[in-house]
Amino acid sequence: MFLELIATFVAGLAAAGVVLLVNRIAGGRLPKWMMPVVAGLVMIGMTVSNEYTWAPRTKATLPDTAEIVTEVETQVFYRPWTYVRPYVSRFAVVDHAATLRNPEQPALRITDVVFYQRWGAVQRLRVLVDCDGHRRAALEDGVTFGAGGAVEGAGWIDAGAEDPVTQAVCAEG
């Protein structure tokens, strides 16, 4: 975030420098308001560009084993351009490399769901998925595994067959 702020200020200063150079070449004929207006527009453009390119840049850093299961697009009134084209402010990823299976319970799988947010820290949630029952549970304190891999103390939620996390984890085969 800090580096983006510095880059935005540098872009504004560079734009002001270009206007200053053009004004010198033009013999001082440009209006005095031109420099701050152009610098401000460039800084706004840089900010908008950073908002729209954050998700693709972040996704490019994900490993090949990661699958994006959900994205949240944002529209806000103080950014009117988002009504024309919303931007992705957060998304969730299932990392297939982290998926664990028990041969005695083939329908149950444990995986990590990783949540990325534009101005927030990356969060990781360990999830237990029941592929046959289309349900999942966060692995928290109190969840234990008994003999043969039976799960005890899980707070199951009925995710349904259309749940993107369940679909991604259970599609692994």
N, C-alpha and C. Protein backbone atom coordinates (compact mmCIF):
# COMPACT_ATOMS: atom_id res chain seq x y z
N MET A 1 0.81 -1.17 0.00
CA MET A 1 0.00 0.00 0.00
C MET A 1 0.87 1.26 0.00
N PHE A 2 1.89 1.26 0.82
CA PHE A 2 2.77 2.42 0.91
C PHE A 2 3.49 2.64 -0.42
N LEU A 3 3.94 1.56 -1.05
CA LEU A 3 4.64 1.70 -2.33
C LEU A 3 3.71 2.21 -3.42
N GLU A 4 2.44 1.80 -3.39
CA GLU A 4 1.49 2.32 -4.36
C GLU A 4 1.26 3.81 -4.16
N LEU A 5 1.22 4.25 -2.91
CA LEU A 5 1.06 5.67 -2.62
C LEU A 5 2.25 6.47 -3.15
N ILE A 6 3.45 5.97 -2.91
CA ILE A 6 4.66 6.64 -3.40
C ILE A 6 4.66 6.67 -4.93
N ALA A 7 4.30 5.56 -5.57
CA ALA A 7 4.26 5.50 -7.03
C ALA A 7 3.23 6.49 -7.60
N THR A 8 2.11 6.65 -6.92
CA THR A 8 1.09 7.59 -7.36
C THR A 8 1.61 9.03 -7.29
N PHE A 9 2.29 9.37 -6.20
CA PHE A 9 2.87 10.72 -6.08
C PHE A 9 3.95 10.95 -7.13
N VAL A 10 4.76 9.96 -7.37
CA VAL A 10 5.82 10.09 -8.38
C VAL A 10 5.21 10.29 -9.76
N ALA A 11 4.13 9.55 -10.05
CA ALA A 11 3.46 9.72 -11.35
C ALA A 11 2.90 11.14 -11.48
N GLY A 12 2.34 11.68 -10.39
CA GLY A 12 1.83 13.05 -10.41
C GLY A 12 2.94 14.07 -10.63
N LEU A 13 4.06 13.86 -9.96
CA LEU A 13 5.21 14.76 -10.15
C LEU A 13 5.75 14.67 -11.57
N ALA A 14 5.81 13.47 -12.10
CA ALA A 14 6.30 13.29 -13.48
C ALA A 14 5.37 13.99 -14.47
N ALA A 15 4.06 13.87 -14.25
CA ALA A 15 3.10 14.55 -15.13
C ALA A 15 3.25 16.06 -15.04
N ALA A 16 3.47 16.56 -13.83
CA ALA A 16 3.68 18.00 -13.66
C ALA A 16 4.95 18.44 -14.38
N GLY A 17 5.99 17.60 -14.32
CA GLY A 17 7.23 17.91 -15.03
C GLY A 17 7.05 17.95 -16.53
N VAL A 18 6.24 17.04 -17.05
CA VAL A 18 5.97 17.03 -18.50
C VAL A 18 5.22 18.29 -18.90
N VAL A 19 4.23 18.69 -18.10
CA VAL A 19 3.49 19.92 -18.41
C VAL A 19 4.43 21.12 -18.34
N LEU A 20 5.32 21.15 -17.36
CA LEU A 20 6.29 22.24 -17.24
C LEU A 20 7.19 22.31 -18.47
N LEU A 21 7.65 21.15 -18.94
CA LEU A 21 8.50 21.09 -20.14
C LEU A 21 7.74 21.57 -21.38
N VAL A 22 6.50 21.10 -21.53
CA VAL A 22 5.69 21.51 -22.68
C VAL A 22 5.43 23.02 -22.62
N ASN A 23 5.21 23.55 -21.42
CA ASN A 23 4.98 24.99 -21.26
C ASN A 23 6.21 25.78 -21.65
N ARG A 24 7.38 25.29 -21.30
CA ARG A 24 8.63 25.99 -21.69
C ARG A 24 8.81 25.97 -23.20
N ILE A 25 8.53 24.81 -23.80
CA ILE A 25 8.66 24.70 -25.26
C ILE A 25 7.64 25.61 -25.95
N ALA A 26 6.44 25.73 -25.36
CA ALA A 26 5.40 26.57 -25.94
C ALA A 26 5.58 28.05 -25.61
N GLY A 27 6.63 28.39 -24.91
CA GLY A 27 6.89 29.79 -24.60
C GLY A 27 6.03 30.34 -23.48
N GLY A 28 5.58 29.50 -22.58
CA GLY A 28 4.79 29.94 -21.44
C GLY A 28 3.35 30.25 -21.77
N ARG A 29 2.81 29.64 -22.82
CA ARG A 29 1.45 29.95 -23.27
C ARG A 29 0.38 29.11 -22.58
N LEU A 30 0.76 28.06 -21.89
CA LEU A 30 -0.24 27.22 -21.22
C LEU A 30 -0.78 27.94 -19.98
N PRO A 31 -2.05 27.72 -19.66
CA PRO A 31 -2.60 28.35 -18.46
C PRO A 31 -1.95 27.79 -17.19
N LYS A 32 -1.92 28.59 -16.15
CA LYS A 32 -1.25 28.20 -14.91
C LYS A 32 -1.93 27.02 -14.22
N TRP A 33 -3.21 26.83 -14.44
CA TRP A 33 -3.94 25.74 -13.80
C TRP A 33 -3.65 24.38 -14.44
N MET A 34 -3.01 24.37 -15.59
CA MET A 34 -2.80 23.13 -16.34
C MET A 34 -1.95 22.12 -15.56
N MET A 35 -0.88 22.56 -14.91
CA MET A 35 0.03 21.64 -14.23
C MET A 35 -0.67 20.88 -13.08
N PRO A 36 -1.34 21.56 -12.13
CA PRO A 36 -1.96 20.79 -11.05
C PRO A 36 -3.13 19.92 -11.52
N VAL A 37 -3.85 20.38 -12.54
CA VAL A 37 -4.97 19.58 -13.04
C VAL A 37 -4.45 18.30 -13.69
N VAL A 38 -3.44 18.40 -14.54
CA VAL A 38 -2.88 17.21 -15.19
C VAL A 38 -2.27 16.28 -14.15
N ALA A 39 -1.54 16.82 -13.18
CA ALA A 39 -0.94 15.98 -12.14
C ALA A 39 -2.03 15.25 -11.35
N GLY A 40 -3.10 15.96 -11.00
CA GLY A 40 -4.20 15.33 -10.27
C GLY A 40 -4.90 14.25 -11.08
N LEU A 41 -5.14 14.51 -12.36
CA LEU A 41 -5.78 13.50 -13.22
C LEU A 41 -4.90 12.26 -13.37
N VAL A 42 -3.60 12.47 -13.49
CA VAL A 42 -2.69 11.31 -13.60
C VAL A 42 -2.70 10.50 -12.31
N MET A 43 -2.73 11.18 -11.17
CA MET A 43 -2.74 10.46 -9.89
C MET A 43 -4.05 9.69 -9.71
N ILE A 44 -5.17 10.27 -10.12
CA ILE A 44 -6.45 9.55 -10.07
C ILE A 44 -6.41 8.35 -11.01
N GLY A 45 -5.88 8.55 -12.21
CA GLY A 45 -5.75 7.44 -13.16
C GLY A 45 -4.87 6.33 -12.64
N MET A 46 -3.80 6.68 -11.97
CA MET A 46 -2.90 5.68 -11.39
C MET A 46 -3.62 4.89 -10.29
N THR A 47 -4.39 5.58 -9.47
CA THR A 47 -5.14 4.91 -8.41
C THR A 47 -6.18 3.95 -8.99
N VAL A 48 -6.90 4.38 -9.99
CA VAL A 48 -7.90 3.53 -10.64
C VAL A 48 -7.23 2.32 -11.28
N SER A 49 -6.11 2.56 -11.94
CA SER A 49 -5.37 1.46 -12.57
C SER A 49 -4.92 0.43 -11.53
N ASN A 50 -4.44 0.89 -10.39
CA ASN A 50 -4.01 -0.04 -9.34
C ASN A 50 -5.18 -0.85 -8.80
N GLU A 51 -6.35 -0.24 -8.68
CA GLU A 51 -7.53 -0.97 -8.20
C GLU A 51 -7.90 -2.11 -9.16
N TYR A 52 -7.88 -1.81 -10.45
CA TYR A 52 -8.31 -2.80 -11.43
C TYR A 52 -7.25 -3.87 -11.72
N THR A 53 -5.99 -3.56 -11.49
CA THR A 53 -4.94 -4.55 -11.80
C THR A 53 -4.49 -5.34 -10.58
N TRP A 54 -5.01 -5.03 -9.38
CA TRP A 54 -4.60 -5.76 -8.19
C TRP A 54 -4.92 -7.24 -8.30
N ALA A 55 -6.15 -7.58 -8.65
CA ALA A 55 -6.56 -8.99 -8.71
C ALA A 55 -5.75 -9.77 -9.75
N PRO A 56 -5.62 -9.31 -10.99
CA PRO A 56 -4.81 -10.07 -11.95
C PRO A 56 -3.35 -10.23 -11.52
N ARG A 57 -2.78 -9.18 -10.92
CA ARG A 57 -1.39 -9.28 -10.45
C ARG A 57 -1.26 -10.30 -9.33
N THR A 58 -2.22 -10.31 -8.41
CA THR A 58 -2.18 -11.24 -7.29
C THR A 58 -2.42 -12.67 -7.78
N LYS A 59 -3.36 -12.85 -8.67
CA LYS A 59 -3.64 -14.18 -9.21
C LYS A 59 -2.44 -14.74 -9.96
N ALA A 60 -1.67 -13.90 -10.60
CA ALA A 60 -0.49 -14.34 -11.34
C ALA A 60 0.58 -14.93 -10.42
N THR A 61 0.53 -14.59 -9.14
CA THR A 61 1.52 -15.11 -8.19
C THR A 61 1.10 -16.43 -7.56
N LEU A 62 -0.13 -16.87 -7.82
CA LEU A 62 -0.61 -18.12 -7.23
C LEU A 62 0.05 -19.33 -7.88
N PRO A 63 0.24 -20.40 -7.12
CA PRO A 63 0.81 -21.61 -7.71
C PRO A 63 -0.17 -22.27 -8.68
N ASP A 64 0.34 -23.15 -9.51
CA ASP A 64 -0.51 -23.84 -10.49
C ASP A 64 -1.56 -24.72 -9.83
N THR A 65 -1.32 -25.12 -8.58
CA THR A 65 -2.25 -26.00 -7.88
C THR A 65 -3.41 -25.25 -7.25
N ALA A 66 -3.42 -23.93 -7.35
CA ALA A 66 -4.48 -23.11 -6.75
C ALA A 66 -5.61 -22.91 -7.75
N GLU A 67 -6.84 -22.96 -7.23
CA GLU A 67 -8.04 -22.74 -8.04
C GLU A 67 -8.88 -21.66 -7.38
N ILE A 68 -9.23 -20.64 -8.14
CA ILE A 68 -10.06 -19.57 -7.62
C ILE A 68 -11.50 -20.08 -7.58
N VAL A 69 -12.10 -20.04 -6.38
CA VAL A 69 -13.45 -20.58 -6.22
C VAL A 69 -14.51 -19.49 -6.16
N THR A 70 -14.14 -18.29 -5.78
CA THR A 70 -15.11 -17.20 -5.75
C THR A 70 -14.40 -15.86 -5.85
N GLU A 71 -15.08 -14.91 -6.46
CA GLU A 71 -14.58 -13.53 -6.58
C GLU A 71 -15.70 -12.58 -6.16
N VAL A 72 -15.32 -11.48 -5.54
CA VAL A 72 -16.29 -10.46 -5.15
C VAL A 72 -15.95 -9.19 -5.92
N GLU A 73 -16.91 -8.77 -6.75
CA GLU A 73 -16.74 -7.52 -7.49
C GLU A 73 -17.40 -6.40 -6.70
N THR A 74 -16.76 -5.23 -6.74
CA THR A 74 -17.20 -4.12 -5.91
C THR A 74 -17.64 -2.94 -6.76
N GLN A 75 -18.75 -2.35 -6.34
CA GLN A 75 -19.25 -1.09 -6.88
C GLN A 75 -19.52 -0.17 -5.69
N VAL A 76 -18.96 1.03 -5.72
CA VAL A 76 -19.20 1.98 -4.63
C VAL A 76 -19.52 3.36 -5.21
N PHE A 77 -20.34 4.10 -4.51
CA PHE A 77 -20.84 5.37 -5.03
C PHE A 77 -19.74 6.42 -5.18
N TYR A 78 -18.71 6.39 -4.34
CA TYR A 78 -17.65 7.40 -4.44
C TYR A 78 -16.59 7.03 -5.48
N ARG A 79 -16.80 5.93 -6.17
CA ARG A 79 -15.98 5.56 -7.33
C ARG A 79 -16.95 5.28 -8.48
N PRO A 80 -17.45 6.32 -9.11
CA PRO A 80 -18.51 6.14 -10.10
C PRO A 80 -18.13 5.25 -11.28
N TRP A 81 -16.86 5.14 -11.60
CA TRP A 81 -16.44 4.29 -12.71
C TRP A 81 -16.69 2.82 -12.41
N THR A 82 -16.86 2.45 -11.13
CA THR A 82 -17.12 1.05 -10.79
C THR A 82 -18.51 0.61 -11.21
N TYR A 83 -19.40 1.56 -11.49
CA TYR A 83 -20.72 1.19 -11.99
C TYR A 83 -20.65 0.83 -13.47
N VAL A 84 -19.66 1.34 -14.16
CA VAL A 84 -19.44 0.96 -15.56
C VAL A 84 -18.76 -0.40 -15.61
N ARG A 85 -17.73 -0.57 -14.77
CA ARG A 85 -16.99 -1.83 -14.72
C ARG A 85 -16.52 -2.07 -13.29
N PRO A 86 -17.22 -2.98 -12.56
CA PRO A 86 -16.80 -3.27 -11.19
C PRO A 86 -15.41 -3.90 -11.17
N TYR A 87 -14.72 -3.75 -10.04
CA TYR A 87 -13.40 -4.36 -9.89
C TYR A 87 -13.45 -5.44 -8.82
N VAL A 88 -12.54 -6.39 -8.91
CA VAL A 88 -12.47 -7.50 -7.95
C VAL A 88 -11.73 -6.99 -6.71
N SER A 89 -12.44 -6.98 -5.58
CA SER A 89 -11.84 -6.49 -4.34
C SER A 89 -11.35 -7.62 -3.44
N ARG A 90 -11.87 -8.83 -3.66
CA ARG A 90 -11.40 -9.99 -2.89
C ARG A 90 -11.78 -11.27 -3.62
N PHE A 91 -11.06 -12.33 -3.30
CA PHE A 91 -11.36 -13.63 -3.89
C PHE A 91 -10.86 -14.73 -2.96
N ALA A 92 -11.40 -15.93 -3.18
CA ALA A 92 -11.03 -17.09 -2.36
C ALA A 92 -10.43 -18.15 -3.27
N VAL A 93 -9.45 -18.86 -2.74
CA VAL A 93 -8.70 -19.85 -3.50
C VAL A 93 -8.64 -21.16 -2.72
N VAL A 94 -8.78 -22.27 -3.43
CA VAL A 94 -8.52 -23.59 -2.85
C VAL A 94 -7.19 -24.06 -3.42
N ASP A 95 -6.29 -24.42 -2.52
CA ASP A 95 -4.98 -24.92 -2.96
C ASP A 95 -5.03 -26.44 -2.95
N HIS A 96 -5.08 -27.03 -4.15
CA HIS A 96 -5.20 -28.49 -4.27
C HIS A 96 -3.98 -29.22 -3.73
N ALA A 97 -2.85 -28.55 -3.67
CA ALA A 97 -1.64 -29.19 -3.12
C ALA A 97 -1.78 -29.43 -1.62
N ALA A 98 -2.66 -28.68 -0.97
CA ALA A 98 -2.83 -28.82 0.48
C ALA A 98 -3.96 -29.79 0.85
N THR A 99 -4.63 -30.36 -0.14
CA THR A 99 -5.75 -31.25 0.13
C THR A 99 -5.25 -32.59 0.67
N LEU A 100 -5.86 -33.01 1.78
CA LEU A 100 -5.51 -34.28 2.42
C LEU A 100 -6.69 -35.24 2.34
N ARG A 101 -6.38 -36.52 2.19
CA ARG A 101 -7.41 -37.56 2.10
C ARG A 101 -7.06 -38.69 3.04
N ASN A 102 -8.10 -39.38 3.50
CA ASN A 102 -7.93 -40.57 4.31
C ASN A 102 -8.51 -41.74 3.52
N PRO A 103 -7.73 -42.77 3.23
CA PRO A 103 -8.25 -43.90 2.45
C PRO A 103 -9.44 -44.59 3.11
N GLU A 104 -9.55 -44.48 4.44
CA GLU A 104 -10.66 -45.12 5.14
C GLU A 104 -11.94 -44.27 5.05
N GLN A 105 -11.82 -43.01 4.71
CA GLN A 105 -12.97 -42.11 4.55
C GLN A 105 -12.81 -41.36 3.22
N PRO A 106 -13.01 -42.02 2.09
CA PRO A 106 -12.72 -41.39 0.79
C PRO A 106 -13.59 -40.17 0.47
N ALA A 107 -14.74 -40.04 1.09
CA ALA A 107 -15.61 -38.89 0.80
C ALA A 107 -15.20 -37.64 1.57
N LEU A 108 -14.36 -37.78 2.57
CA LEU A 108 -13.94 -36.65 3.38
C LEU A 108 -12.58 -36.16 2.92
N ARG A 109 -12.46 -34.85 2.80
CA ARG A 109 -11.19 -34.24 2.41
C ARG A 109 -10.95 -32.99 3.24
N ILE A 110 -9.69 -32.77 3.56
CA ILE A 110 -9.29 -31.57 4.29
C ILE A 110 -8.47 -30.72 3.33
N THR A 111 -8.79 -29.43 3.29
CA THR A 111 -8.06 -28.53 2.41
C THR A 111 -7.97 -27.15 3.05
N ASP A 112 -7.17 -26.31 2.44
CA ASP A 112 -7.05 -24.92 2.86
C ASP A 112 -7.80 -24.03 1.88
N VAL A 113 -8.62 -23.14 2.42
CA VAL A 113 -9.25 -22.10 1.62
C VAL A 113 -8.53 -20.81 2.01
N VAL A 114 -7.96 -20.13 1.02
CA VAL A 114 -7.17 -18.93 1.27
C VAL A 114 -7.96 -17.74 0.73
N PHE A 115 -8.12 -16.72 1.59
CA PHE A 115 -8.89 -15.53 1.25
C PHE A 115 -7.94 -14.36 1.02
N TYR A 116 -8.05 -13.75 -0.14
CA TYR A 116 -7.24 -12.57 -0.50
C TYR A 116 -8.17 -11.37 -0.54
N GLN A 117 -7.73 -10.26 0.02
CA GLN A 117 -8.52 -9.04 0.05
C GLN A 117 -7.63 -7.87 -0.33
N ARG A 118 -8.18 -6.92 -1.07
CA ARG A 118 -7.39 -5.80 -1.61
C ARG A 118 -6.59 -5.07 -0.55
N TRP A 119 -7.19 -4.65 0.53
CA TRP A 119 -6.47 -3.90 1.56
C TRP A 119 -6.39 -4.68 2.86
N GLY A 120 -6.46 -6.00 2.80
CA GLY A 120 -6.42 -6.81 4.01
C GLY A 120 -5.35 -7.88 3.94
N ALA A 121 -5.10 -8.47 5.07
CA ALA A 121 -4.12 -9.55 5.15
C ALA A 121 -4.71 -10.83 4.56
N VAL A 122 -3.85 -11.67 4.04
CA VAL A 122 -4.27 -12.97 3.52
C VAL A 122 -4.68 -13.84 4.71
N GLN A 123 -5.83 -14.50 4.59
CA GLN A 123 -6.32 -15.37 5.66
C GLN A 123 -6.48 -16.78 5.13
N ARG A 124 -6.16 -17.74 5.97
CA ARG A 124 -6.22 -19.15 5.60
C ARG A 124 -7.18 -19.86 6.55
N LEU A 125 -8.06 -20.69 5.98
CA LEU A 125 -9.02 -21.45 6.77
C LEU A 125 -8.91 -22.92 6.38
N ARG A 126 -8.66 -23.77 7.35
CA ARG A 126 -8.63 -25.22 7.10
C ARG A 126 -10.07 -25.72 7.14
N VAL A 127 -10.48 -26.43 6.08
CA VAL A 127 -11.88 -26.84 5.92
C VAL A 127 -11.94 -28.35 5.68
N LEU A 128 -12.94 -28.97 6.29
CA LEU A 128 -13.24 -30.38 6.07
C LEU A 128 -14.45 -30.44 5.15
N VAL A 129 -14.32 -31.17 4.04
CA VAL A 129 -15.40 -31.25 3.05
C VAL A 129 -15.89 -32.69 2.96
N ASP A 130 -17.20 -32.85 3.02
CA ASP A 130 -17.84 -34.15 2.83
C ASP A 130 -18.43 -34.14 1.43
N CYS A 131 -17.76 -34.83 0.50
CA CYS A 131 -18.18 -34.81 -0.90
C CYS A 131 -19.51 -35.53 -1.13
N ASP A 132 -19.78 -36.59 -0.37
CA ASP A 132 -21.05 -37.30 -0.54
C ASP A 132 -22.22 -36.52 0.03
N GLY A 133 -22.03 -35.86 1.15
CA GLY A 133 -23.10 -35.13 1.82
C GLY A 133 -23.21 -33.68 1.41
N HIS A 134 -22.31 -33.21 0.54
CA HIS A 134 -22.29 -31.80 0.10
C HIS A 134 -22.33 -30.85 1.29
N ARG A 135 -21.45 -31.09 2.23
CA ARG A 135 -21.37 -30.24 3.40
C ARG A 135 -19.91 -29.99 3.73
N ARG A 136 -19.68 -28.96 4.54
CA ARG A 136 -18.32 -28.66 4.95
C ARG A 136 -18.30 -28.09 6.35
N ALA A 137 -17.13 -28.14 6.95
CA ALA A 137 -16.97 -27.64 8.32
C ALA A 137 -15.58 -27.03 8.45
N ALA A 138 -15.51 -25.93 9.18
CA ALA A 138 -14.20 -25.34 9.49
C ALA A 138 -13.55 -26.21 10.56
N LEU A 139 -12.29 -26.52 10.39
CA LEU A 139 -11.57 -27.31 11.39
C LEU A 139 -11.10 -26.36 12.49
N GLU A 140 -11.78 -26.43 13.59
CA GLU A 140 -11.50 -25.56 14.73
C GLU A 140 -11.16 -26.41 15.93
N ASP A 141 -10.93 -25.74 17.05
CA ASP A 141 -10.72 -26.46 18.30
C ASP A 141 -11.96 -27.27 18.61
N GLY A 142 -11.78 -28.45 19.09
CA GLY A 142 -12.90 -29.31 19.44
C GLY A 142 -13.21 -30.35 18.39
N VAL A 143 -12.68 -30.21 17.19
CA VAL A 143 -12.89 -31.21 16.15
C VAL A 143 -11.83 -32.28 16.34
N THR A 144 -12.28 -33.52 16.44
CA THR A 144 -11.35 -34.64 16.62
C THR A 144 -11.66 -35.72 15.60
N PHE A 145 -10.68 -36.56 15.39
CA PHE A 145 -10.83 -37.67 14.47
C PHE A 145 -10.70 -38.96 15.27
N GLY A 146 -11.73 -39.79 15.16
CA GLY A 146 -11.74 -41.05 15.88
C GLY A 146 -11.15 -42.17 15.05
N ALA A 147 -11.44 -43.38 15.46
CA ALA A 147 -10.94 -44.56 14.76
C ALA A 147 -11.50 -44.60 13.35
N GLY A 148 -10.65 -44.92 12.41
CA GLY A 148 -11.06 -45.02 11.02
C GLY A 148 -11.31 -43.68 10.36
N GLY A 149 -10.93 -42.59 11.00
CA GLY A 149 -11.08 -41.27 10.40
C GLY A 149 -12.44 -40.63 10.62
N ALA A 150 -13.25 -41.18 11.52
CA ALA A 150 -14.56 -40.60 11.81
C ALA A 150 -14.37 -39.23 12.47
N VAL A 151 -15.17 -38.28 12.03
CA VAL A 151 -15.06 -36.90 12.52
C VAL A 151 -16.03 -36.69 13.67
N GLU A 152 -15.53 -36.08 14.73
CA GLU A 152 -16.37 -35.80 15.90
C GLU A 152 -16.23 -34.33 16.27
N GLY A 153 -17.35 -33.69 16.56
CA GLY A 153 -17.34 -32.31 17.03
C GLY A 153 -17.26 -31.26 15.93
N ALA A 154 -17.51 -31.65 14.70
CA ALA A 154 -17.44 -30.68 13.59
C ALA A 154 -18.76 -29.92 13.48
N GLY A 155 -18.68 -28.64 13.21
CA GLY A 155 -19.87 -27.80 13.00
C GLY A 155 -20.22 -27.79 11.52
N TRP A 156 -20.87 -28.82 11.06
CA TRP A 156 -21.18 -28.97 9.63
C TRP A 156 -22.19 -27.92 9.18
N ILE A 157 -21.98 -27.42 7.98
CA ILE A 157 -22.98 -26.59 7.32
C ILE A 157 -23.34 -27.27 6.00
N ASP A 158 -24.61 -27.22 5.66
CA ASP A 158 -25.06 -27.82 4.41
C ASP A 158 -24.72 -26.85 3.29
N ALA A 159 -23.68 -27.18 2.53
CA ALA A 159 -23.20 -26.28 1.48
C ALA A 159 -23.96 -26.46 0.18
N GLY A 160 -24.50 -27.61 -0.06
CA GLY A 160 -25.22 -27.87 -1.30
C GLY A 160 -24.26 -28.28 -2.42
N ALA A 161 -24.82 -28.87 -3.44
CA ALA A 161 -24.02 -29.38 -4.56
C ALA A 161 -23.41 -28.26 -5.39
N GLU A 162 -23.96 -27.05 -5.31
CA GLU A 162 -23.48 -25.93 -6.11
C GLU A 162 -22.41 -25.09 -5.41
N ASP A 163 -22.04 -25.45 -4.20
CA ASP A 163 -21.03 -24.69 -3.46
C ASP A 163 -19.69 -24.75 -4.19
N PRO A 164 -19.09 -23.61 -4.49
CA PRO A 164 -17.84 -23.62 -5.27
C PRO A 164 -16.67 -24.29 -4.55
N VAL A 165 -16.59 -24.19 -3.23
CA VAL A 165 -15.52 -24.85 -2.49
C VAL A 165 -15.69 -26.36 -2.57
N THR A 166 -16.91 -26.83 -2.32
CA THR A 166 -17.19 -28.27 -2.38
C THR A 166 -16.93 -28.80 -3.79
N GLN A 167 -17.36 -28.08 -4.80
CA GLN A 167 -17.14 -28.52 -6.18
C GLN A 167 -15.66 -28.63 -6.50
N ALA A 168 -14.89 -27.62 -6.09
CA ALA A 168 -13.45 -27.63 -6.40
C ALA A 168 -12.73 -28.77 -5.70
N VAL A 169 -13.05 -28.98 -4.43
CA VAL A 169 -12.35 -30.02 -3.66
C VAL A 169 -12.77 -31.41 -4.12
N CYS A 170 -14.06 -31.60 -4.38
CA CYS A 170 -14.56 -32.92 -4.75
C CYS A 170 -14.28 -33.27 -6.21
N ALA A 171 -13.98 -32.32 -7.03
CA ALA A 171 -13.66 -32.58 -8.44
C ALA A 171 -12.28 -33.18 -8.61
N GLU A 172 -11.50 -33.18 -7.55
CA GLU A 172 -10.13 -33.70 -7.63
C GLU A 172 -10.10 -35.19 -7.90
N GLY A 173 -11.19 -35.88 -7.65
CA GLY A 173 -11.26 -37.31 -7.96
C GLY A 173 -11.05 -38.21 -6.79
